């Protein structure tokens, strides 16, 4: 069974989920069913017969806040939520996706196996390893999986803590287990495209094509860039065109996906191909593009193919901040992107930025507001909107040592005060939910009882705070030997020293911690003006308002 922690309409728009499902469904030795929060596939009865026991339960996780939904889905299938409580007759619970690849530790006690990296490599190796020992006791199956590159079996690794609660490391429990588990990277010529096109999807009847994987820009905060290195592009003739053709046989809506699709070396040729007469009536949309690559031709062809707007990430209106995060983007290029979008016939420009970046000041936020107001004046008739989120530190990025800055909440309010009265649409993400996201992205296994306790109230900030307090008060279940979590501020807001042991230190991403620290040093050569919060040594939770 392959689950997604949301409704069918949302889950079926996840290209990663679709590809994993299709990869399993194509195998003759696997009978795969899909499960969403509102519906699921009936048993197929193809290879094991109707009513046969469930061998595997998989979950694709793309968003930290979906963690508690996993536990609801497990209980729905009558599977013990804690891996330590499962027996030989229970299914192997496995997971993958960017959240688990970056830092699986907060959810580790719920999973039997975590697939770190690209499914194109991991899924065949995972299934074949299990088929080779399918009748063996559960412990033997898990031990076999732990020998497969990129498969992390949390129960075979134990975190060690100092008396003051400091994490000392996560170490294998037995000789012969890998000391470190490395993310696996698919280097094939073709990437992925939709396996399901349906009007019931949140993006109805769209065929999605992955144009690029990763991003060459390496903004210092960006998980999508650093975690998925190297930057990979399928060829036009052997990869992209066949993928587009497959979709246009069933729909006239095409979505080109990637962190920076216009940086594909043959994107201009793809665009010219889509400009042909045969695509009359086809609606083409693209995900975020690099502002410096916007041209009048791009605007014209997208407008001709039904797009209304273009999306660019600017991160900040402050040139100082863009330089700090390694955003290679000049102010003139942002103005040119807006001008070209309007000249091409597009009616809107969506910009994405951040608040609360390391060393950010009120002057930097004012620069963002000034930039949007100047853009509005320079491109009359172009509808502008700014989506802005609070900086959240992510594992395997140079800014993983930086904490969430409480000033971000006021900075978001300042942007709203400046922009909304002037007719610029502002779409801020909740500061409070960014704090919870940081709690989940930065914690170790001690957070697992909090995730379990938050079920039923995880859709409210108060629910997460109450769950944290309950765990600290030792009034809810937690695995034997697992210490209480550290103080809230020590996880969410503290700036960590580069030499500190991180919860994910035993898991190798594309770049070493030494290289990430060097990238951070280049961006932040001097300490931030504000004193970093010192890691708390008590178990007293300090919760935000």
Protein backbone atom coordinates (compact mmCIF):
# COMPACT_ATOMS: atom_id res chain seq x y z
CA UNK A 1 0.00 0.00 0.00
CA UNK A 2 1.34 3.44 -0.96
CA UNK A 3 -0.12 6.30 1.06
CA UNK A 4 -0.16 10.07 0.72
CA UNK A 5 -0.95 12.24 3.78
CA UNK A 6 -3.67 14.34 2.12
CA UNK A 7 -6.77 14.05 -0.02
CA UNK A 8 -6.81 12.39 -3.44
CA UNK A 9 -7.08 15.71 -5.29
CA UNK A 10 -3.92 16.99 -3.60
CA UNK A 11 -1.96 13.75 -3.55
CA UNK A 12 -2.50 12.93 -7.20
CA UNK A 13 -0.87 16.24 -8.19
CA UNK A 14 2.38 15.12 -6.53
CA UNK A 15 4.63 14.05 -9.37
CA UNK A 16 6.93 12.17 -7.00
CA UNK A 17 4.03 10.15 -5.60
CA UNK A 18 2.74 9.34 -9.08
CA UNK A 19 6.14 8.11 -10.24
CA UNK A 20 6.65 5.89 -7.19
CA UNK A 21 3.18 4.39 -7.59
CA UNK A 22 3.71 3.75 -11.32
CA UNK A 23 7.13 2.20 -10.71
CA UNK A 24 5.61 -0.28 -8.28
CA UNK A 25 2.49 -0.89 -10.37
CA UNK A 26 4.60 -1.90 -13.38
CA UNK A 27 6.21 -4.75 -11.45
CA UNK A 28 4.65 -8.19 -11.79
CA UNK A 29 5.83 -9.15 -8.29
CA UNK A 30 4.05 -6.24 -6.54
CA UNK A 31 0.34 -5.59 -6.04
CA UNK A 32 0.17 -1.90 -5.12
CA UNK A 33 -2.81 0.05 -3.85
CA UNK A 34 -3.04 3.79 -3.24
CA UNK A 35 -4.32 5.34 -0.01
CA UNK A 36 -5.29 8.96 0.63
CA UNK A 37 -6.97 10.56 3.61
CA UNK A 38 -10.35 10.57 1.87
CA UNK A 39 -10.22 7.41 -0.26
CA UNK A 40 -8.20 4.40 -1.30
CA UNK A 41 -7.95 1.77 -4.02
CA UNK A 42 -9.75 -1.56 -3.46
CA UNK A 43 -7.56 -4.70 -3.34
CA UNK A 44 -6.48 -5.70 -6.82
CA UNK A 45 -6.02 -9.38 -6.13
CA UNK A 46 -3.47 -9.63 -8.93
CA UNK A 47 -0.51 -11.38 -7.37
CA UNK A 48 -1.41 -12.32 -3.83
CA UNK A 49 -5.16 -12.85 -3.93
CA UNK A 50 -7.90 -10.86 -2.31
CA UNK A 51 -7.75 -10.67 1.43
CA UNK A 52 -4.02 -11.40 1.53
CA UNK A 53 -1.97 -9.82 4.27
CA UNK A 54 -0.38 -6.42 3.70
CA UNK A 55 3.41 -6.78 3.28
CA UNK A 56 4.41 -3.14 2.77
CA UNK A 57 3.03 0.24 3.78
CA UNK A 58 4.75 3.20 2.12
CA UNK A 59 4.37 6.94 2.57
CA UNK A 60 5.57 9.80 0.40
CA UNK A 61 6.28 12.86 2.58
CA UNK A 62 6.87 16.28 1.01
CA UNK A 63 5.86 18.57 3.89
CA UNK A 64 7.02 18.44 7.51
CA UNK A 65 3.60 19.31 8.91
CA UNK A 66 2.06 16.15 7.43
CA UNK A 67 3.89 13.90 9.89
CA UNK A 68 0.94 13.27 12.25
CA UNK A 69 -1.25 12.23 9.31
CA UNK A 70 1.05 9.22 8.81
CA UNK A 71 0.07 7.94 12.23
CA UNK A 72 -3.64 8.31 11.48
CA UNK A 73 -3.19 6.34 8.26
CA UNK A 74 -1.29 3.60 10.10
CA UNK A 75 -4.00 3.26 12.72
CA UNK A 76 -6.64 3.20 10.01
CA UNK A 77 -4.89 0.11 8.62
CA UNK A 78 -4.49 -1.33 12.14
CA UNK A 79 -0.71 -1.09 12.02
CA UNK A 80 1.09 -0.20 15.30
CA UNK A 81 2.37 3.37 14.99
CA UNK A 82 5.67 2.64 16.78
CA UNK A 83 8.09 0.50 14.78
CA UNK A 84 9.27 -1.18 18.00
CA UNK A 85 5.77 -2.62 18.55
CA UNK A 86 5.45 -4.32 15.15
CA UNK A 87 5.86 -8.05 14.78
CA UNK A 88 6.57 -10.53 12.02
CA UNK A 89 3.03 -10.34 10.66
CA UNK A 90 2.94 -6.53 10.47
CA UNK A 91 3.92 -4.81 7.21
CA UNK A 92 7.27 -3.12 6.70
CA UNK A 93 6.52 0.61 6.96
CA UNK A 94 8.77 2.60 4.65
CA UNK A 95 8.91 6.20 3.50
CA UNK A 96 10.65 8.60 1.19
CA UNK A 97 10.48 12.10 -0.19
CA UNK A 98 12.40 15.32 0.50
CA UNK A 99 11.38 15.65 4.16
CA UNK A 100 12.58 12.17 5.09
CA UNK A 101 15.69 12.39 2.91
CA UNK A 102 16.71 15.66 4.59
CA UNK A 103 16.14 14.65 8.21
CA UNK A 104 14.18 11.50 9.03
CA UNK A 105 15.05 11.51 12.75
CA UNK A 106 11.88 13.15 14.19
CA UNK A 107 9.79 10.48 12.42
CA UNK A 108 12.34 7.65 12.70
CA UNK A 109 10.58 5.72 15.50
CA UNK A 110 7.52 5.31 13.24
CA UNK A 111 9.37 3.92 10.19
CA UNK A 112 10.97 0.54 9.61
CA UNK A 113 12.93 1.84 6.61
CA UNK A 114 13.56 5.21 5.01
CA UNK A 115 14.63 5.52 1.38
CA UNK A 116 17.10 8.40 1.10
CA UNK A 117 17.16 9.95 -2.36
CA UNK A 118 15.77 9.23 -5.80
CA UNK A 119 13.19 6.49 -6.17
CA UNK A 120 14.41 5.52 -9.63
CA UNK A 121 17.40 3.85 -7.95
CA UNK A 122 16.02 2.98 -4.53
CA UNK A 123 12.68 1.35 -5.28
CA UNK A 124 14.02 -1.56 -7.41
CA UNK A 125 16.78 -2.27 -4.89
CA UNK A 126 14.32 -2.08 -1.99
CA UNK A 127 11.81 -4.50 -3.52
CA UNK A 128 14.46 -6.94 -4.70
CA UNK A 129 16.10 -7.03 -1.26
CA UNK A 130 12.78 -7.83 0.37
CA UNK A 131 11.82 -10.45 -2.18
CA UNK A 132 15.10 -12.25 -1.47
CA UNK A 133 14.18 -12.66 2.22
CA UNK A 134 10.40 -12.35 2.18
CA UNK A 135 9.77 -15.37 4.44
CA UNK A 136 12.48 -14.48 6.95
CA UNK A 137 11.70 -13.07 10.42
CA UNK A 138 11.19 -9.32 10.56
CA UNK A 139 14.60 -8.68 12.15
CA UNK A 140 16.37 -10.49 9.32
CA UNK A 141 14.45 -8.55 6.68
CA UNK A 142 15.38 -5.24 8.30
CA UNK A 143 19.03 -6.28 8.59
CA UNK A 144 19.04 -7.15 4.88
CA UNK A 145 17.52 -3.77 3.97
CA UNK A 146 20.17 -1.95 6.00
CA UNK A 147 22.84 -3.30 3.65
CA UNK A 148 21.23 -1.69 0.59
CA UNK A 149 22.87 1.68 -0.28
CA UNK A 150 20.53 4.55 0.58
CA UNK A 151 18.17 2.55 2.81
CA UNK A 152 18.19 3.69 6.43
CA UNK A 153 16.73 1.36 9.06
CA UNK A 154 16.29 3.56 12.16
CA UNK A 155 15.81 0.71 14.65
CA UNK A 156 19.36 -0.49 13.90
CA UNK A 157 20.84 2.88 14.89
CA UNK A 158 20.75 4.47 18.33
CA UNK A 159 21.14 8.14 19.25
CA UNK A 160 23.50 8.85 22.13
CA UNK A 161 23.11 11.87 24.41
CA UNK A 162 25.32 13.58 26.95
CA UNK A 163 23.95 14.06 30.50
CA UNK A 164 22.99 17.64 29.60
CA UNK A 165 20.90 16.46 26.65
CA UNK A 166 23.41 17.26 23.91
CA UNK A 167 23.25 14.84 21.00
CA UNK A 168 26.57 13.02 20.69
CA UNK A 169 25.76 11.01 17.57
CA UNK A 170 23.61 8.32 16.00
CA UNK A 171 25.50 5.05 15.82
CA UNK A 172 24.86 1.54 14.42
CA UNK A 173 23.90 -1.09 17.00
CA UNK A 174 25.85 -3.99 15.49
CA UNK A 175 29.09 -4.64 13.59
CA UNK A 176 28.72 -4.80 9.84
CA UNK A 177 26.12 -2.04 9.63
CA UNK A 178 27.17 1.06 7.65
CA UNK A 179 28.41 3.84 9.92
CA UNK A 180 26.83 6.33 7.54
CA UNK A 181 23.98 6.08 5.03
CA UNK A 182 24.28 8.07 1.80
CA UNK A 183 21.53 9.60 -0.28
CA UNK A 184 21.23 7.95 -3.69
CA UNK A 185 21.18 10.11 -6.84
CA UNK A 186 19.61 9.14 -10.15
CA UNK A 187 21.78 10.16 -13.09
CA UNK A 188 19.57 8.91 -15.93
CA UNK A 189 18.91 10.96 -19.04
CA UNK A 190 15.15 11.16 -18.52
CA UNK A 191 13.45 12.50 -15.42
CA UNK A 192 9.73 12.11 -14.72
CA UNK A 193 6.30 13.01 -16.02
CA UNK A 194 2.70 12.37 -15.04
CA UNK A 195 1.39 8.83 -14.89
CA UNK A 196 -2.15 9.97 -14.04
CA UNK A 197 -4.14 12.80 -15.64
CA UNK A 198 -7.51 13.43 -14.04
CA UNK A 199 -10.09 16.24 -13.75
CA UNK A 200 -10.34 15.38 -10.03
CA UNK A 201 -6.83 16.68 -9.30
CA UNK A 202 -6.24 20.02 -7.58
CA UNK A 203 -4.71 21.05 -10.91
CA UNK A 204 -7.36 19.49 -13.14
CA UNK A 205 -6.38 17.44 -16.19
CA UNK A 206 -2.75 18.59 -16.20
CA UNK A 207 0.17 16.59 -17.55
CA UNK A 208 3.29 17.47 -15.57
CA UNK A 209 6.79 17.14 -17.01
CA UNK A 210 9.94 17.49 -14.90
CA UNK A 211 12.23 19.73 -16.94
CA UNK A 212 15.13 19.98 -14.48
CA UNK A 213 16.07 18.45 -11.15
CA UNK A 214 17.90 20.57 -8.55
CA UNK A 215 19.07 24.12 -9.33
CA UNK A 216 22.50 25.47 -10.23
CA UNK A 217 22.06 28.74 -8.29
CA UNK A 218 22.70 27.28 -4.79
CA UNK A 219 20.87 29.85 -2.68
CA UNK A 220 22.22 29.16 0.79
CA UNK A 221 18.83 28.34 2.38
CA UNK A 222 17.44 26.20 -0.44
CA UNK A 223 16.71 22.53 0.23
CA UNK A 224 15.45 21.95 -3.32
CA UNK A 225 18.83 23.01 -4.64
CA UNK A 226 21.36 21.54 -2.20
CA UNK A 227 19.64 18.27 -1.31
CA UNK A 228 19.03 17.26 -4.92
CA UNK A 229 22.46 18.08 -6.39
CA UNK A 230 23.78 17.73 -9.01
CA UNK A 231 21.69 19.82 -11.40
CA UNK A 232 20.27 17.40 -13.97
CA UNK A 233 18.51 17.94 -17.26
CA UNK A 234 16.96 15.41 -19.65
CA UNK A 235 17.75 15.81 -23.33
CA UNK A 236 15.20 17.56 -25.50
CA UNK A 237 14.75 14.90 -28.17
CA UNK A 238 15.06 11.77 -26.03
CA UNK A 239 13.49 13.05 -22.79
CA UNK A 240 11.36 16.17 -22.86
CA UNK A 241 9.63 15.90 -26.23
CA UNK A 242 8.56 12.25 -25.74
CA UNK A 243 7.26 13.12 -22.23
CA UNK A 244 5.24 16.06 -23.58
CA UNK A 245 3.89 13.99 -26.49
CA UNK A 246 2.72 11.27 -24.10
CA UNK A 247 0.68 13.77 -22.12
CA UNK A 248 -0.79 15.68 -25.03
CA UNK A 249 -2.31 12.43 -26.27
CA UNK A 250 -4.79 12.68 -23.39
CA UNK A 251 -4.98 16.35 -22.37
CA UNK A 252 -4.29 19.86 -23.65
CA UNK A 253 -2.95 21.17 -20.36
CA UNK A 254 0.81 20.96 -19.82
CA UNK A 255 2.83 21.89 -16.74
CA UNK A 256 6.62 22.29 -16.95
CA UNK A 257 8.12 21.70 -13.50
CA UNK A 258 11.44 22.33 -11.84
CA UNK A 259 13.18 24.70 -9.46
CA UNK A 260 14.39 26.78 -12.41
CA UNK A 261 12.98 25.39 -15.67
CA UNK A 262 14.36 28.10 -17.92
CA UNK A 263 17.91 27.07 -17.03
CA UNK A 264 17.57 23.86 -18.99
CA UNK A 265 20.22 24.28 -21.73
CA UNK A 266 17.64 23.52 -24.45
CA UNK A 267 14.70 25.38 -22.95
CA UNK A 268 14.63 27.97 -25.74
CA UNK A 269 14.33 25.14 -28.27
CA UNK A 270 11.54 23.52 -26.25
CA UNK A 271 9.73 26.84 -26.15
CA UNK A 272 10.04 27.29 -29.92
CA UNK A 273 8.71 23.78 -30.45
CA UNK A 274 5.68 24.55 -28.25
CA UNK A 275 5.11 27.71 -30.32
CA UNK A 276 4.21 25.58 -33.33
CA UNK A 277 0.74 25.61 -34.87
CA UNK A 278 0.03 22.04 -33.79
CA UNK A 279 -0.16 23.22 -30.16
CA UNK A 280 -2.99 25.68 -30.81
CA UNK A 281 -5.41 25.27 -27.92
CA UNK A 282 -2.79 23.76 -25.62
CA UNK A 283 -2.41 25.51 -22.29
CA UNK A 284 1.19 25.64 -21.04
CA UNK A 285 2.27 26.77 -17.58
CA UNK A 286 5.71 26.82 -15.97
CA UNK A 287 6.78 26.74 -12.36
CA UNK A 288 9.21 29.29 -10.94
CA UNK A 289 11.73 30.65 -13.44
CA UNK A 290 14.96 32.54 -12.85
CA UNK A 291 14.25 36.22 -13.32
CA UNK A 292 17.41 36.79 -15.34
CA UNK A 293 16.23 34.28 -17.96
CA UNK A 294 12.89 35.97 -18.70
CA UNK A 295 12.71 37.25 -22.28
CA UNK A 296 9.97 38.87 -24.39
CA UNK A 297 9.79 35.59 -26.33
CA UNK A 298 9.10 33.65 -23.14
CA UNK A 299 6.31 36.03 -22.19
CA UNK A 300 4.83 35.97 -25.69
CA UNK A 301 4.75 32.19 -26.07
CA UNK A 302 3.39 31.56 -22.57
CA UNK A 303 0.65 34.16 -23.11
CA UNK A 304 -0.15 32.58 -26.49
CA UNK A 305 -0.40 29.19 -24.76
CA UNK A 306 -2.86 30.34 -22.12
CA UNK A 307 -0.67 31.42 -19.21
CA UNK A 308 -1.79 34.52 -17.36
CA UNK A 309 1.24 35.12 -15.18
CA UNK A 310 4.88 34.30 -14.55
CA UNK A 311 6.53 33.37 -11.24
CA UNK A 312 10.00 34.48 -10.18
CA UNK A 313 11.83 34.17 -6.86
CA UNK A 314 13.61 37.33 -5.74
CA UNK A 315 14.09 36.38 -2.04
CA UNK A 316 14.55 40.06 -1.09
CA UNK A 317 14.35 43.54 -2.55
CA UNK A 318 17.65 44.27 -0.81
CA UNK A 319 20.73 43.72 -2.95
CA UNK A 320 22.70 43.10 0.25
CA UNK A 321 20.39 40.23 1.21
CA UNK A 322 20.38 38.73 -2.26
CA UNK A 323 24.17 38.71 -2.22
CA UNK A 324 24.19 37.17 1.26
CA UNK A 325 21.99 34.22 0.21
CA UNK A 326 23.92 33.81 -3.07
CA UNK A 327 20.97 34.94 -5.19
CA UNK A 328 22.71 35.96 -8.39
CA UNK A 329 20.15 38.56 -9.39
CA UNK A 330 20.49 42.28 -10.04
CA UNK A 331 17.67 44.73 -9.43
CA UNK A 332 17.74 45.67 -13.12
CA UNK A 333 17.05 42.04 -14.04
CA UNK A 334 13.93 42.01 -11.85
CA UNK A 335 12.61 45.13 -13.60
CA UNK A 336 13.44 43.60 -16.99
CA UNK A 337 11.54 40.40 -16.10
CA UNK A 338 8.44 42.44 -15.22
CA UNK A 339 8.73 44.50 -18.38
CA UNK A 340 9.17 41.45 -20.60
CA UNK A 341 6.25 39.67 -18.96
CA UNK A 342 3.97 42.61 -19.69
CA UNK A 343 5.30 43.14 -23.22
CA UNK A 344 4.77 39.46 -23.97
CA UNK A 345 1.10 39.73 -23.08
CA UNK A 346 1.06 38.30 -19.56
CA UNK A 347 -1.22 40.06 -17.09
CA UNK A 348 0.48 39.13 -13.83
CA UNK A 349 3.84 38.63 -12.17
CA UNK A 350 4.13 36.55 -9.03
CA UNK A 351 7.21 37.16 -6.92
CA UNK A 352 8.46 35.09 -4.02
CA UNK A 353 10.53 36.45 -1.16
CA UNK A 354 11.57 35.68 2.39
CA UNK A 355 11.52 37.39 5.75
CA UNK A 356 13.77 36.68 8.71
CA UNK A 357 16.88 35.72 6.75
CA UNK A 358 20.13 35.81 8.77
CA UNK A 359 21.29 39.39 9.51
CA UNK A 360 18.13 40.87 7.91
CA UNK A 361 17.22 44.34 9.19
CA UNK A 362 14.17 46.56 8.88
CA UNK A 363 16.01 48.44 6.15
CA UNK A 364 16.19 45.24 4.11
CA UNK A 365 12.44 44.69 4.49
CA UNK A 366 11.81 48.29 3.48
CA UNK A 367 13.91 47.63 0.38
CA UNK A 368 11.59 44.77 -0.55
CA UNK A 369 8.53 46.98 -0.16
CA UNK A 370 10.21 49.76 -2.15
CA UNK A 371 11.07 47.36 -4.96
CA UNK A 372 7.48 46.14 -5.31
CA UNK A 373 6.11 49.68 -5.33
CA UNK A 374 8.66 50.75 -7.94
CA UNK A 375 7.78 47.72 -10.07
CA UNK A 376 4.10 48.64 -9.88
CA UNK A 377 4.88 52.16 -11.05
CA UNK A 378 7.25 51.00 -13.82
CA UNK A 379 4.88 48.38 -15.27
CA UNK A 380 1.35 49.80 -15.07
CA UNK A 381 -1.32 47.25 -15.87
CA UNK A 382 0.78 44.30 -14.67
CA UNK A 383 -0.82 42.67 -11.63
CA UNK A 384 1.82 42.12 -8.95
CA UNK A 385 1.67 39.71 -6.03
CA UNK A 386 4.31 38.88 -3.45
CA UNK A 387 4.35 35.55 -1.68
CA UNK A 388 6.61 35.76 1.33
CA UNK A 389 7.62 33.10 3.83
CA UNK A 390 9.68 33.10 7.00
CA UNK A 391 13.17 31.65 6.70
CA UNK A 392 13.22 28.08 8.06
CA UNK A 393 16.59 26.29 8.42
CA UNK A 394 16.82 23.06 6.42
CA UNK A 395 19.19 20.12 6.79
CA UNK A 396 22.03 19.77 4.29
CA UNK A 397 22.03 23.48 3.43
CA UNK A 398 24.61 26.12 4.46
CA UNK A 399 22.03 27.91 6.64
CA UNK A 400 21.14 24.75 8.61
CA UNK A 401 22.98 26.18 11.63
CA UNK A 402 20.88 29.37 11.68
CA UNK A 403 17.70 29.59 13.76
CA UNK A 404 14.31 31.13 13.02
CA UNK A 405 14.44 34.84 13.85
CA UNK A 406 11.51 36.15 15.93
CA UNK A 407 11.84 39.51 14.13
CA UNK A 408 10.40 37.85 11.04
CA UNK A 409 6.87 38.17 12.43
CA UNK A 410 7.15 41.95 12.62
CA UNK A 411 8.86 42.09 9.25
CA UNK A 412 5.88 40.33 7.66
CA UNK A 413 3.54 42.85 9.25
CA UNK A 414 5.68 45.73 7.98
CA UNK A 415 5.43 44.42 4.42
CA UNK A 416 1.67 44.19 4.71
CA UNK A 417 1.46 47.76 6.01
CA UNK A 418 3.53 49.07 3.12
CA UNK A 419 2.12 47.06 0.21
CA UNK A 420 -1.55 46.31 0.71
CA UNK A 421 -2.75 49.93 0.79
CA UNK A 422 -0.93 50.47 -2.52
CA UNK A 423 -2.70 47.65 -4.33
CA UNK A 424 0.07 45.05 -4.25
CA UNK A 425 -1.27 41.65 -3.28
CA UNK A 426 0.67 40.16 -0.37
CA UNK A 427 0.40 36.44 0.38
CA UNK A 428 2.42 35.81 3.56
CA UNK A 429 2.88 32.36 5.05
CA UNK A 430 2.08 32.12 8.74
CA UNK A 431 5.04 32.91 10.97
CA UNK A 432 3.65 30.53 13.59
CA UNK A 433 3.50 27.62 11.17
CA UNK A 434 7.06 28.38 10.04
CA UNK A 435 8.11 27.93 13.67
CA UNK A 436 6.46 24.49 13.78
CA UNK A 437 8.07 23.63 10.45
CA UNK A 438 11.49 24.51 11.91
CA UNK A 439 10.76 22.40 14.98
CA UNK A 440 10.14 19.42 12.69
CA UNK A 441 12.99 20.07 10.28
CA UNK A 442 15.63 20.56 13.00
CA UNK A 443 14.77 18.03 15.71
CA UNK A 444 15.99 14.53 16.50
CA UNK A 445 14.09 11.43 17.68
CA UNK A 446 13.06 13.10 20.92
CA UNK A 447 10.36 14.93 18.94
CA UNK A 448 8.56 11.72 17.92
CA UNK A 449 6.36 11.59 21.06
CA UNK A 450 5.34 15.20 20.39
CA UNK A 451 4.27 14.28 16.85
CA UNK A 452 2.23 11.39 18.25
CA UNK A 453 0.67 13.58 20.96
CA UNK A 454 -0.24 16.30 18.45
CA UNK A 455 -2.59 14.02 16.53
CA UNK A 456 -6.13 15.30 16.45
CA UNK A 457 -4.99 18.86 17.13
CA UNK A 458 -2.03 19.15 14.74
CA UNK A 459 -3.91 21.58 12.51
CA UNK A 460 -3.66 24.29 15.20
CA UNK A 461 -0.57 25.96 16.61
CA UNK A 462 -1.99 25.51 20.10
CA UNK A 463 -2.23 21.78 19.51
CA UNK A 464 1.50 21.52 18.83
CA UNK A 465 2.34 23.64 21.88
CA UNK A 466 0.12 21.54 24.16
CA UNK A 467 1.68 18.36 22.79
CA UNK A 468 5.18 19.66 23.49
CA UNK A 469 4.24 20.60 27.05
CA UNK A 470 2.64 17.21 27.60
CA UNK A 471 5.79 15.38 26.55
CA UNK A 472 7.97 17.58 28.73
CA UNK A 473 5.62 16.84 31.63
CA UNK A 474 6.11 13.13 30.88
CA UNK A 475 2.36 12.50 30.68
CA UNK A 476 2.30 10.83 27.24
CA UNK A 477 3.82 7.64 25.86
CA UNK A 478 7.37 7.67 24.56
CA UNK A 479 9.69 4.83 23.59
CA UNK A 480 11.76 3.31 26.38
CA UNK A 481 15.11 5.00 26.80
CA UNK A 482 14.21 8.06 24.74
CA UNK A 483 15.01 11.23 26.73
CA UNK A 484 12.71 14.24 26.96
CA UNK A 485 13.09 16.82 24.16
CA UNK A 486 15.23 19.92 24.67
CA UNK A 487 13.80 23.38 25.24
CA UNK A 488 11.75 24.74 22.35
CA UNK A 489 14.03 27.73 21.74
CA UNK A 490 17.11 25.52 21.58
CA UNK A 491 15.66 23.75 18.55
CA UNK A 492 13.76 26.52 16.77
CA UNK A 493 15.56 29.79 17.42
CA UNK A 494 19.11 28.98 18.48
CA UNK A 495 22.06 29.55 16.18
CA UNK A 496 24.16 26.40 16.38
CA UNK A 497 27.94 26.24 16.31
CA UNK A 498 29.37 24.64 13.11
CA UNK A 499 31.06 21.86 15.13
CA UNK A 500 27.84 20.75 16.78
CA UNK A 501 26.60 17.19 16.10
CA UNK A 502 23.46 17.53 13.98
CA UNK A 503 20.57 15.04 14.07
CA UNK A 504 21.31 14.12 10.43
CA UNK A 505 25.12 13.96 10.69
CA UNK A 506 25.14 10.19 10.09
CA UNK A 507 23.29 10.65 6.80
CA UNK A 508 25.35 11.87 3.84
CA UNK A 509 23.81 14.37 1.46
CA UNK A 510 25.38 15.56 -1.80
CA UNK A 511 27.85 17.85 0.00
CA UNK A 512 29.83 17.26 3.18
CA UNK A 513 29.28 19.27 6.33
CA UNK A 514 32.69 20.87 5.82
CA UNK A 515 31.70 22.13 2.37
CA UNK A 516 28.36 23.41 3.66
CA UNK A 517 30.15 25.22 6.48
CA UNK A 518 32.47 26.85 3.96
CA UNK A 519 29.48 28.00 1.88
CA UNK A 520 27.95 29.44 5.04
CA UNK A 521 31.20 31.22 5.89
CA UNK A 522 31.26 32.85 2.46
CA UNK A 523 27.77 34.22 3.01
CA UNK A 524 28.15 35.08 6.71
CA UNK A 525 31.81 36.03 7.22
CA UNK A 526 30.93 37.98 10.36
CA UNK A 527 28.58 36.96 13.18
CA UNK A 528 25.08 38.39 13.00
CA UNK A 529 24.60 41.64 14.88
CA UNK A 530 22.22 39.99 17.33
CA UNK A 531 23.67 37.60 19.90
CA UNK A 532 22.75 34.01 19.00
CA UNK A 533 20.54 32.19 21.45
CA UNK A 534 22.51 29.74 23.59
CA UNK A 535 21.27 26.13 23.51
CA UNK A 536 19.22 25.65 26.64
CA UNK A 537 20.31 22.92 29.07
CA UNK A 538 16.93 22.48 30.76
CA UNK A 539 13.82 20.69 29.57
CA UNK A 540 11.61 23.70 30.14
CA UNK A 541 9.72 24.58 26.99
CA UNK A 542 9.79 28.20 25.93
CA UNK A 543 6.89 28.50 23.54
CA UNK A 544 6.09 31.41 21.22
CA UNK A 545 2.98 33.48 21.76
